[in-house]
Amino acid sequence: MPVDLRAEFTGAGMTVLKGNLNYRRLVGDRLWPPVILFGGMVGYLSSPVVALRTLKSDVIVGVDAATVAWLDGSGTAWRISGRHAVV
């Protein structure tokens, strides 16, 4: 994270991000295994983080293995359809 942007977040009680693109930036816009913990991905921020997002891309973290297996077995494009969301 650029130093000037990090300074903007310093002292924040909570950081709230909204939207698919902001979420993707937050977790590095990579195809991580979906079971990687969200908190481990955003630990570089100095405050607690809340991300609000409708799934419209394959990038996702913080989903438990049973949920991933259920959604993968549903036969739908759950990661990109816009029908699911995460907080």
C-alpha atoms as a PDB file:
ATOM      1  CA  MET A   1       0.000   0.000   0.000  1.00  0.00           C
ATOM      2  CA  PRO A   2       1.424   3.441  -0.858  1.00  0.00           C
ATOM      3  CA  VAL A   3       2.655   5.381   2.166  1.00  0.00           C
ATOM      4  CA  ASP A   4       0.295   8.329   1.604  1.00  0.00           C
ATOM      5  CA  LEU A   5      -2.723   6.028   1.375  1.00  0.00           C
ATOM      6  CA  ARG A   6      -1.638   4.130   4.506  1.00  0.00           C
ATOM      7  CA  ALA A   7      -1.472   7.476   6.333  1.00  0.00           C
ATOM      8  CA  GLU A   8      -5.090   8.189   5.340  1.00  0.00           C
ATOM      9  CA  PHE A   9      -6.219   4.982   7.074  1.00  0.00           C
ATOM     10  CA  THR A  10      -4.153   5.483  10.226  1.00  0.00           C
ATOM     11  CA  GLY A  11      -6.371   6.124  13.216  1.00  0.00           C
ATOM     12  CA  ALA A  12      -9.557   4.916  11.536  1.00  0.00           C
ATOM     13  CA  GLY A  13     -11.907   3.017  13.833  1.00  0.00           C
ATOM     14  CA  MET A  14     -13.066   0.853  10.932  1.00  0.00           C
ATOM     15  CA  THR A  15     -12.585   0.719   7.184  1.00  0.00           C
ATOM     16  CA  VAL A  16     -15.672  -0.036   5.081  1.00  0.00           C
ATOM     17  CA  LEU A  17     -15.276  -0.923   1.424  1.00  0.00           C
ATOM     18  CA  LYS A  18     -18.147  -1.455  -0.991  1.00  0.00           C
ATOM     19  CA  GLY A  19     -18.211  -3.044  -4.389  1.00  0.00           C
ATOM     20  CA  ASN A  20     -16.648  -5.836  -6.375  1.00  0.00           C
ATOM     21  CA  LEU A  21     -13.675  -3.850  -7.675  1.00  0.00           C
ATOM     22  CA  ASN A  22     -12.761  -2.485  -4.235  1.00  0.00           C
ATOM     23  CA  TYR A  23     -12.971  -6.016  -2.797  1.00  0.00           C
ATOM     24  CA  ARG A  24     -10.719  -7.343  -5.536  1.00  0.00           C
ATOM     25  CA  ARG A  25      -8.170  -4.606  -4.852  1.00  0.00           C
ATOM     26  CA  LEU A  26      -8.393  -5.303  -1.126  1.00  0.00           C
ATOM     27  CA  VAL A  27      -7.382  -8.971  -1.544  1.00  0.00           C
ATOM     28  CA  GLY A  28      -4.874  -8.447  -4.352  1.00  0.00           C
ATOM     29  CA  ASP A  29      -7.162  -9.358  -7.301  1.00  0.00           C
ATOM     30  CA  ARG A  30      -5.798 -12.902  -7.444  1.00  0.00           C
ATOM     31  CA  LEU A  31      -7.454 -16.299  -7.607  1.00  0.00           C
ATOM     32  CA  TRP A  32      -6.718 -17.309  -4.025  1.00  0.00           C
ATOM     33  CA  PRO A  33      -8.183 -20.521  -2.668  1.00  0.00           C
ATOM     34  CA  PRO A  34     -11.585 -19.377  -1.373  1.00  0.00           C
ATOM     35  CA  VAL A  35     -10.972 -20.881   2.072  1.00  0.00           C
ATOM     36  CA  ILE A  36      -8.061 -18.511   2.867  1.00  0.00           C
ATOM     37  CA  LEU A  37      -9.087 -16.363   5.822  1.00  0.00           C
ATOM     38  CA  PHE A  38     -10.251 -12.864   4.917  1.00  0.00           C
ATOM     39  CA  GLY A  39      -8.552 -11.381   7.992  1.00  0.00           C
ATOM     40  CA  GLY A  40      -5.199 -12.747   6.891  1.00  0.00           C
ATOM     41  CA  MET A  41      -5.569 -11.057   3.522  1.00  0.00           C
ATOM     42  CA  VAL A  42      -6.381  -7.588   4.859  1.00  0.00           C
ATOM     43  CA  GLY A  43      -4.042  -7.495   7.854  1.00  0.00           C
ATOM     44  CA  TYR A  44      -2.008  -4.745   6.218  1.00  0.00           C
ATOM     45  CA  LEU A  45      -4.739  -2.234   7.124  1.00  0.00           C
ATOM     46  CA  SER A  46      -4.446  -0.662  10.554  1.00  0.00           C
ATOM     47  CA  SER A  47      -8.143  -0.944  11.438  1.00  0.00           C
ATOM     48  CA  PRO A  48     -10.894  -3.581  11.290  1.00  0.00           C
ATOM     49  CA  VAL A  49     -12.260  -4.034   7.764  1.00  0.00           C
ATOM     50  CA  VAL A  50     -15.790  -4.608   6.479  1.00  0.00           C
ATOM     51  CA  ALA A  51     -16.250  -5.370   2.792  1.00  0.00           C
ATOM     52  CA  LEU A  52     -19.691  -5.340   1.135  1.00  0.00           C
ATOM     53  CA  ARG A  53     -19.730  -7.063  -2.211  1.00  0.00           C
ATOM     54  CA  THR A  54     -21.952  -8.746  -4.780  1.00  0.00           C
ATOM     55  CA  LEU A  55     -20.009 -11.592  -6.406  1.00  0.00           C
ATOM     56  CA  LYS A  56     -19.248 -10.672 -10.003  1.00  0.00           C
ATOM     57  CA  SER A  57     -15.755 -12.156 -10.403  1.00  0.00           C
ATOM     58  CA  ASP A  58     -13.909 -15.330  -9.454  1.00  0.00           C
ATOM     59  CA  VAL A  59     -11.928 -13.581  -6.699  1.00  0.00           C
ATOM     60  CA  ILE A  60     -13.194 -14.710  -3.269  1.00  0.00           C
ATOM     61  CA  VAL A  61     -11.659 -15.478   0.135  1.00  0.00           C
ATOM     62  CA  GLY A  62     -13.028 -16.253   3.576  1.00  0.00           C
ATOM     63  CA  VAL A  63     -15.615 -18.858   2.610  1.00  0.00           C
ATOM     64  CA  ASP A  64     -15.647 -22.081   4.615  1.00  0.00           C
ATOM     65  CA  ALA A  65     -14.898 -25.332   2.785  1.00  0.00           C
ATOM     66  CA  ALA A  66     -18.398 -26.798   3.231  1.00  0.00           C
ATOM     67  CA  THR A  67     -20.022 -23.725   1.673  1.00  0.00           C
ATOM     68  CA  VAL A  68     -17.562 -23.721  -1.234  1.00  0.00           C
ATOM     69  CA  ALA A  69     -18.264 -27.425  -1.864  1.00  0.00           C
ATOM     70  CA  TRP A  70     -22.028 -26.848  -1.741  1.00  0.00           C
ATOM     71  CA  LEU A  71     -21.884 -23.860  -4.099  1.00  0.00           C
ATOM     72  CA  ASP A  72     -19.447 -25.568  -6.478  1.00  0.00           C
ATOM     73  CA  GLY A  73     -21.793 -28.567  -6.601  1.00  0.00           C
ATOM     74  CA  SER A  74     -24.828 -26.424  -7.344  1.00  0.00           C
ATOM     75  CA  GLY A  75     -24.029 -26.270 -11.046  1.00  0.00           C
ATOM     76  CA  THR A  76     -24.294 -22.480 -11.108  1.00  0.00           C
ATOM     77  CA  ALA A  77     -21.643 -19.855 -11.764  1.00  0.00           C
ATOM     78  CA  TRP A  78     -21.958 -18.633  -8.175  1.00  0.00           C
ATOM     79  CA  ARG A  79     -18.745 -16.610  -8.195  1.00  0.00           C
ATOM     80  CA  ILE A  80     -19.702 -14.452 -11.174  1.00  0.00           C
ATOM     81  CA  SER A  81     -23.498 -14.497 -11.455  1.00  0.00           C
ATOM     82  CA  GLY A  82     -24.220 -11.519  -9.195  1.00  0.00           C
ATOM     83  CA  ARG A  83     -26.777 -13.631  -7.290  1.00  0.00           C
ATOM     84  CA  HIS A  84     -24.610 -14.021  -4.167  1.00  0.00           C
ATOM     85  CA  ALA A  85     -23.002 -11.470  -1.904  1.00  0.00           C
ATOM     86  CA  VAL A  86     -20.602 -11.354   1.031  1.00  0.00           C
ATOM     87  CA  VAL A  87     -20.135  -9.070   4.014  1.00  0.00           C
END
